[in-house]
Amino acid sequence: MTTQQTRQQALTARAPGGPARLEPPRAARPPRRRKASQFEGGRGFVSSQDWRNPRIAGVMKTLHMILLVLLLVVGIGPILLLAKYAITPTQDIIRTPLAVFPNGVRWENISEAWNDVQISRYFLNTIWLAAGSWFVQLLVATTGGYVLSVLRPAWSKAVNGLVIATLFVPSVVLLVPLYLTILNPPLVGTSLINNFFAVWLPAGASAFNVVLVTRFFDSLPREVFEAARVDGASAFRLFWSVVLPMSKPILGVVSVFATIASWKDFLWPMLVLKDPAKQPLSVRLPAIASQTDLGVFLASLAISTLIPVVFFLVFQRLFLSGAGLGGAVKG
């Protein structure tokens, strides 16, 4: 019996009480391959052939690991060092700044910074300023981008050009006219000095956010807008129920930009909020630095950096994914 006949008999199975049945041969399982790195092959300085060399692959992986460690040290190192100083006695910070708690941990720094230095009041002021600035910037950016990109009136191109032109004007040039406007605002009749609206309203005039949102709205599928209009959706319903749900990534980006910019702003809140009871952390911390214990002051700095770090960690997925575009267009 030949080898071909033996293979044919092995593939043939008789069903009980029926004719012979030929079973198809099983497909051979492909060999498992390791997950290729994004740096392998392509037009990199290390070709795919070189990556098959164990020595070159080991050197490249070691370099990647060293680069990753350096990035972690540069990016996370200062934050971890500030967190350590926040609970370290002042004498240890001055004498041995890099030692790991040689004389123990001093948790009183945080309580003194929160209560005695009244960081809690300035922290609340900062949150209010950041929340108001975020809302005004998001409102102006989304509505402006919706008009210029989706509604597109006859004068939209001229307005879009004027908005882009304001990006070339330095902010320092606008400082004095803006201060005079806040000092004697039109239609209000009273000064906005020492009022949170003096920070909220100018924050909304961000041409960068309007241009950013407009460009994102330009990339949205027009078929969805046309279908919504055919179904009888008004301009507000189209904006609220169609455009905004599809714009989660850009809303997250604008939110992070607006919050961080408001959180670290120093010059404008110092000019329009002269009352120390209404000033944010960015203004009050430099003012109290000379009369505050070093450990307590560093604890105050650590508290002031808490919200931006947490806010970025919450919204980082919106930077890396286009979750707002999924399922917008079928088939």
Protein backbone atom coordinates (compact mmCIF):
# COMPACT_ATOMS: atom_id res chain seq x y z
CA MET A 1 0.00 0.00 0.00
CA THR A 2 1.38 3.31 -1.01
CA THR A 3 1.66 6.40 1.14
CA GLN A 4 -1.09 8.16 -0.86
CA GLN A 5 -3.51 5.24 -0.24
CA THR A 6 -2.72 5.23 3.49
CA ARG A 7 -3.41 9.01 3.72
CA GLN A 8 -6.68 8.51 1.80
CA GLN A 9 -7.84 5.80 4.23
CA ALA A 10 -6.95 8.00 7.21
CA LEU A 11 -9.12 10.81 5.84
CA THR A 12 -12.06 8.45 5.13
CA ALA A 13 -14.52 7.70 7.94
CA ARG A 14 -17.51 5.36 7.67
CA ALA A 15 -20.72 6.53 9.23
CA PRO A 16 -22.66 3.69 10.91
CA GLY A 17 -25.13 2.28 8.41
CA GLY A 18 -24.17 4.74 5.68
CA PRO A 19 -21.68 5.26 2.92
CA ALA A 20 -18.14 6.33 3.40
CA ARG A 21 -17.61 10.00 4.22
CA LEU A 22 -14.53 11.99 3.39
CA GLU A 23 -13.47 14.44 6.12
CA PRO A 24 -11.51 17.49 5.05
CA PRO A 25 -7.97 17.65 6.31
CA ARG A 26 -7.31 19.99 9.22
CA ALA A 27 -5.44 23.14 8.40
CA ALA A 28 -2.00 23.33 9.88
CA ARG A 29 -1.75 25.82 12.76
CA PRO A 30 0.59 28.66 11.83
CA PRO A 31 3.58 29.12 14.12
CA ARG A 32 3.20 31.72 16.82
CA ARG A 33 5.07 34.91 16.18
CA ARG A 34 6.15 37.43 18.73
CA LYS A 35 4.44 40.80 18.68
CA ALA A 36 6.43 43.10 16.47
CA SER A 37 7.54 46.42 17.86
CA GLN A 38 6.36 49.58 16.15
CA PHE A 39 10.01 50.54 15.74
CA GLU A 40 10.85 47.41 13.77
CA GLY A 41 11.07 47.46 9.99
CA GLY A 42 9.76 50.33 7.96
CA ARG A 43 12.14 53.18 7.27
CA GLY A 44 13.86 53.21 10.66
CA PHE A 45 17.60 53.13 11.07
CA VAL A 46 17.29 49.47 12.15
CA SER A 47 15.88 47.20 9.46
CA SER A 48 13.74 44.13 9.99
CA GLN A 49 16.73 41.96 9.10
CA ASP A 50 18.78 43.58 11.86
CA TRP A 51 15.97 43.03 14.35
CA ARG A 52 16.35 39.28 13.79
CA ASN A 53 19.89 39.54 15.10
CA PRO A 54 19.69 38.78 18.85
CA ARG A 55 22.58 41.11 19.68
CA ILE A 56 21.12 44.12 17.84
CA ALA A 57 17.63 43.43 19.19
CA GLY A 58 19.00 43.28 22.75
CA VAL A 59 20.87 46.57 22.35
CA MET A 60 17.81 48.32 20.93
CA LYS A 61 15.53 47.05 23.70
CA THR A 62 18.06 48.22 26.28
CA LEU A 63 18.17 51.68 24.70
CA HIS A 64 14.38 51.83 24.67
CA MET A 65 14.27 50.90 28.34
CA ILE A 66 16.88 53.53 29.25
CA LEU A 67 14.95 56.17 27.31
CA LEU A 68 11.72 55.19 29.06
CA VAL A 69 13.37 55.46 32.48
CA LEU A 70 14.79 58.89 31.61
CA LEU A 71 11.36 60.11 30.48
CA LEU A 72 9.82 58.86 33.71
CA VAL A 73 12.48 60.58 35.80
CA VAL A 74 12.10 63.88 33.93
CA GLY A 75 8.29 63.77 33.82
CA ILE A 76 7.31 62.21 37.15
CA GLY A 77 10.45 62.92 39.19
CA PRO A 78 9.66 66.57 40.08
CA ILE A 79 6.10 65.67 41.10
CA LEU A 80 7.28 62.84 43.34
CA LEU A 81 10.00 65.07 44.82
CA LEU A 82 7.43 67.79 45.59
CA ALA A 83 5.16 65.19 47.21
CA LYS A 84 8.10 64.07 49.38
CA TYR A 85 8.97 67.62 50.40
CA ALA A 86 5.34 68.24 51.36
CA ILE A 87 5.64 65.82 54.29
CA THR A 88 9.31 66.42 55.14
CA PRO A 89 10.53 68.66 58.00
CA THR A 90 12.08 71.94 56.91
CA GLN A 91 15.49 71.13 58.41
CA ASP A 92 15.71 67.90 56.40
CA ILE A 93 14.74 69.73 53.20
CA ILE A 94 17.58 72.21 53.71
CA ARG A 95 20.29 69.83 54.99
CA THR A 96 19.64 66.59 53.11
CA PRO A 97 17.10 67.30 50.34
CA LEU A 98 17.52 63.92 48.60
CA ALA A 99 17.52 61.76 51.73
CA VAL A 100 14.46 59.58 52.28
CA PHE A 101 12.94 60.94 55.50
CA PRO A 102 16.03 60.86 57.73
CA ASN A 103 14.07 62.27 60.70
CA GLY A 104 10.64 60.89 59.98
CA VAL A 105 7.55 62.23 58.26
CA ARG A 106 5.86 65.48 59.23
CA TRP A 107 2.19 65.26 58.25
CA GLU A 108 1.53 68.53 60.05
CA ASN A 109 2.81 70.41 56.99
CA ILE A 110 -0.37 69.58 55.09
CA SER A 111 -2.74 70.49 57.93
CA GLU A 112 -0.92 73.77 58.61
CA ALA A 113 -0.94 74.66 54.93
CA TRP A 114 -4.65 73.90 54.67
CA ASN A 115 -5.79 75.65 57.85
CA ASP A 116 -3.17 78.12 59.13
CA VAL A 117 -2.05 79.49 55.75
CA GLN A 118 -5.69 79.34 54.54
CA ILE A 119 -4.84 77.39 51.41
CA SER A 120 -8.39 76.00 51.57
CA ARG A 121 -9.85 79.46 50.78
CA TYR A 122 -7.43 80.13 47.92
CA PHE A 123 -7.93 76.59 46.67
CA LEU A 124 -11.68 77.16 46.50
CA ASN A 125 -11.15 80.47 44.70
CA THR A 126 -8.98 78.71 42.14
CA ILE A 127 -11.60 76.03 41.55
CA TRP A 128 -14.30 78.66 41.01
CA LEU A 129 -12.12 80.61 38.59
CA ALA A 130 -11.15 77.46 36.68
CA ALA A 131 -14.74 76.21 36.49
CA GLY A 132 -16.08 79.54 35.26
CA SER A 133 -13.29 79.96 32.71
CA TRP A 134 -13.84 76.40 31.49
CA PHE A 135 -17.57 76.95 31.01
CA VAL A 136 -17.17 80.28 29.19
CA GLN A 137 -14.40 78.98 26.91
CA LEU A 138 -16.31 75.81 26.09
CA LEU A 139 -19.49 77.78 25.39
CA VAL A 140 -17.80 80.28 23.09
CA ALA A 141 -15.64 77.68 21.32
CA THR A 142 -18.44 75.20 20.61
CA THR A 143 -21.05 77.75 19.53
CA GLY A 144 -18.54 79.71 17.45
CA GLY A 145 -17.20 76.58 15.81
CA TYR A 146 -20.75 75.36 15.17
CA VAL A 147 -21.71 78.58 13.39
CA LEU A 148 -18.51 78.77 11.32
CA SER A 149 -18.33 75.10 10.41
CA VAL A 150 -21.86 73.63 10.39
CA LEU A 151 -24.28 76.51 9.81
CA ARG A 152 -21.87 78.41 7.54
CA PRO A 153 -23.65 81.74 6.95
CA ALA A 154 -22.59 84.04 4.13
CA TRP A 155 -20.16 85.98 6.33
CA SER A 156 -18.55 82.90 7.93
CA LYS A 157 -15.35 83.08 5.86
CA ALA A 158 -14.75 86.71 6.80
CA VAL A 159 -15.34 86.04 10.48
CA ASN A 160 -13.13 82.97 10.36
CA GLY A 161 -10.34 85.04 8.84
CA LEU A 162 -10.70 87.71 11.53
CA VAL A 163 -10.60 85.08 14.27
CA ILE A 164 -7.41 83.58 12.83
CA ALA A 165 -5.89 87.07 12.49
CA THR A 166 -6.28 87.67 16.24
CA LEU A 167 -3.90 84.78 16.88
CA PHE A 168 -1.05 86.96 15.59
CA VAL A 169 -1.72 89.73 18.12
CA PRO A 170 0.44 89.37 21.27
CA SER A 171 -1.56 89.10 24.47
CA VAL A 172 0.58 91.76 26.16
CA VAL A 173 -0.62 94.34 23.63
CA LEU A 174 -4.23 93.68 24.68
CA LEU A 175 -3.52 93.91 28.40
CA VAL A 176 -4.12 97.65 28.89
CA PRO A 177 -7.26 97.92 26.67
CA LEU A 178 -8.72 94.86 28.35
CA TYR A 179 -8.03 96.28 31.82
CA LEU A 180 -9.70 99.58 30.87
CA THR A 181 -12.71 97.64 29.58
CA ILE A 182 -13.00 95.72 32.86
CA LEU A 183 -12.56 98.96 34.82
CA ASN A 184 -15.47 100.60 32.98
CA PRO A 185 -17.39 97.88 31.09
CA PRO A 186 -20.07 98.92 28.60
CA LEU A 187 -23.75 98.30 29.38
CA VAL A 188 -22.90 97.28 32.95
CA GLY A 189 -22.30 100.62 34.60
CA THR A 190 -20.09 99.30 37.38
CA SER A 191 -16.51 98.14 37.59
CA LEU A 192 -15.75 94.41 37.52
CA ILE A 193 -12.60 94.76 39.63
CA ASN A 194 -12.56 92.15 42.44
CA ASN A 195 -15.25 90.22 40.60
CA PHE A 196 -14.80 86.72 39.21
CA PHE A 197 -16.47 87.82 35.97
CA ALA A 198 -13.39 89.95 35.31
CA VAL A 199 -11.52 86.66 34.82
CA TRP A 200 -14.31 84.55 33.33
CA LEU A 201 -15.43 86.85 30.52
CA PRO A 202 -11.98 87.61 29.00
CA ALA A 203 -11.16 83.89 29.16
CA GLY A 204 -13.93 83.20 26.65
CA ALA A 205 -12.20 85.33 24.00
CA SER A 206 -9.87 82.49 23.02
CA ALA A 207 -9.41 82.43 19.26
CA PHE A 208 -7.25 79.32 19.51
CA ASN A 209 -10.11 77.26 20.96
CA VAL A 210 -12.56 78.54 18.33
CA VAL A 211 -10.19 77.63 15.50
CA LEU A 212 -9.46 74.24 17.07
CA VAL A 213 -13.13 73.34 17.46
CA THR A 214 -13.99 74.69 13.98
CA ARG A 215 -11.36 72.47 12.35
CA PHE A 216 -12.69 69.46 14.25
CA PHE A 217 -16.28 70.20 13.23
CA ASP A 218 -15.10 70.42 9.61
CA SER A 219 -13.98 66.78 9.82
CA LEU A 220 -17.37 65.49 10.99
CA PRO A 221 -19.48 63.63 8.40
CA ARG A 222 -21.94 65.95 6.67
CA GLU A 223 -24.29 63.05 5.92
CA VAL A 224 -25.29 62.95 9.58
CA PHE A 225 -26.16 66.67 9.56
CA GLU A 226 -28.23 66.31 6.40
CA ALA A 227 -30.08 63.32 7.82
CA ALA A 228 -30.87 65.26 11.00
CA ARG A 229 -32.19 68.20 8.98
CA VAL A 230 -34.36 65.87 6.89
CA ASP A 231 -35.81 64.45 10.11
CA GLY A 232 -36.81 67.98 11.13
CA ALA A 233 -34.08 68.80 13.66
CA SER A 234 -33.71 72.49 14.41
CA ALA A 235 -30.36 74.26 14.60
CA PHE A 236 -30.25 73.94 18.40
CA ARG A 237 -31.32 70.27 18.31
CA LEU A 238 -28.65 69.55 15.70
CA PHE A 239 -26.05 71.23 17.88
CA TRP A 240 -27.11 69.62 21.16
CA SER A 241 -28.08 66.10 20.05
CA VAL A 242 -25.81 65.45 17.06
CA VAL A 243 -22.72 67.67 17.00
CA LEU A 244 -21.81 67.69 20.70
CA PRO A 245 -22.10 63.88 21.23
CA MET A 246 -19.78 63.38 18.25
CA SER A 247 -17.26 65.92 19.59
CA LYS A 248 -16.18 64.32 22.86
CA PRO A 249 -12.46 64.20 21.94
CA ILE A 250 -12.20 67.90 21.12
CA LEU A 251 -14.34 68.84 24.13
CA GLY A 252 -11.90 66.98 26.35
CA VAL A 253 -8.91 68.70 24.75
CA VAL A 254 -10.44 72.17 25.13
CA SER A 255 -11.45 71.37 28.71
CA VAL A 256 -7.92 70.38 29.69
CA PHE A 257 -6.40 73.41 27.95
CA ALA A 258 -8.89 75.80 29.56
CA THR A 259 -8.55 74.37 33.06
CA ILE A 260 -4.76 74.25 33.10
CA ALA A 261 -4.46 77.74 31.57
CA SER A 262 -6.79 79.17 34.21
CA TRP A 263 -5.11 77.24 37.02
CA LYS A 264 -1.65 78.64 36.29
CA ASP A 265 -2.66 82.15 35.19
CA PHE A 266 -0.91 84.76 37.32
CA LEU A 267 -0.77 88.21 35.75
CA TRP A 268 -4.41 88.86 34.89
CA PRO A 269 -5.92 87.60 38.21
CA MET A 270 -3.34 89.70 40.07
CA LEU A 271 -4.45 92.83 38.18
CA VAL A 272 -8.23 92.47 38.48
CA LEU A 273 -8.53 90.62 41.83
CA LYS A 274 -6.88 92.97 44.28
CA ASP A 275 -8.68 91.57 47.33
CA PRO A 276 -6.52 88.79 48.86
CA ALA A 277 -9.67 86.95 49.95
CA LYS A 278 -10.63 86.45 46.27
CA GLN A 279 -7.23 85.69 44.79
CA PRO A 280 -6.35 82.19 43.50
CA LEU A 281 -3.39 80.04 44.47
CA SER A 282 -1.26 81.25 41.58
CA VAL A 283 -1.36 84.78 43.04
CA ARG A 284 -1.34 84.09 46.76
CA LEU A 285 1.42 81.47 46.91
CA PRO A 286 4.19 83.86 45.72
CA ALA A 287 2.86 86.50 48.13
CA ILE A 288 3.10 84.24 51.20
CA ALA A 289 6.37 82.51 50.27
CA SER A 290 8.64 84.84 52.28
CA GLN A 291 6.58 84.58 55.49
CA THR A 292 5.79 80.86 55.46
CA ASP A 293 7.79 77.89 56.69
CA LEU A 294 9.49 76.11 53.78
CA GLY A 295 7.91 72.72 54.48
CA VAL A 296 4.45 74.25 54.82
CA PHE A 297 4.97 76.28 51.65
CA LEU A 298 5.99 73.20 49.67
CA ALA A 299 2.94 71.39 51.02
CA SER A 300 0.85 74.26 49.69
CA LEU A 301 2.49 73.87 46.29
CA ALA A 302 1.74 70.14 46.34
CA ILE A 303 -1.91 70.82 47.09
CA SER A 304 -2.10 73.36 44.26
CA THR A 305 -0.82 70.81 41.71
CA LEU A 306 -3.29 68.11 42.73
CA ILE A 307 -6.28 69.16 40.60
CA PRO A 308 -4.42 69.63 37.26
CA VAL A 309 -2.76 66.22 37.58
CA VAL A 310 -6.02 64.45 38.42
CA PHE A 311 -7.89 66.34 35.71
CA PHE A 312 -5.39 65.31 33.06
CA LEU A 313 -5.45 61.67 34.16
CA VAL A 314 -9.24 61.64 33.87
CA PHE A 315 -9.31 63.16 30.38
CA GLN A 316 -6.22 61.53 28.90
CA ARG A 317 -8.30 58.91 27.05
CA LEU A 318 -10.00 61.66 25.05
CA PHE A 319 -6.59 62.68 23.73
CA LEU A 320 -5.67 59.20 22.55
CA SER A 321 -8.95 57.88 21.17
CA GLY A 322 -11.68 59.05 18.85
CA ALA A 323 -14.49 57.69 20.98
CA GLY A 324 -16.83 60.45 19.93
CA LEU A 325 -16.78 59.38 16.27
CA GLY A 326 -17.63 55.72 16.68
CA GLY A 327 -20.95 54.68 15.23
CA ALA A 328 -21.73 58.07 13.71
CA VAL A 329 -22.11 56.70 10.20
CA LYS A 330 -23.51 53.26 9.45
CA GLY A 331 -22.43 51.18 6.53
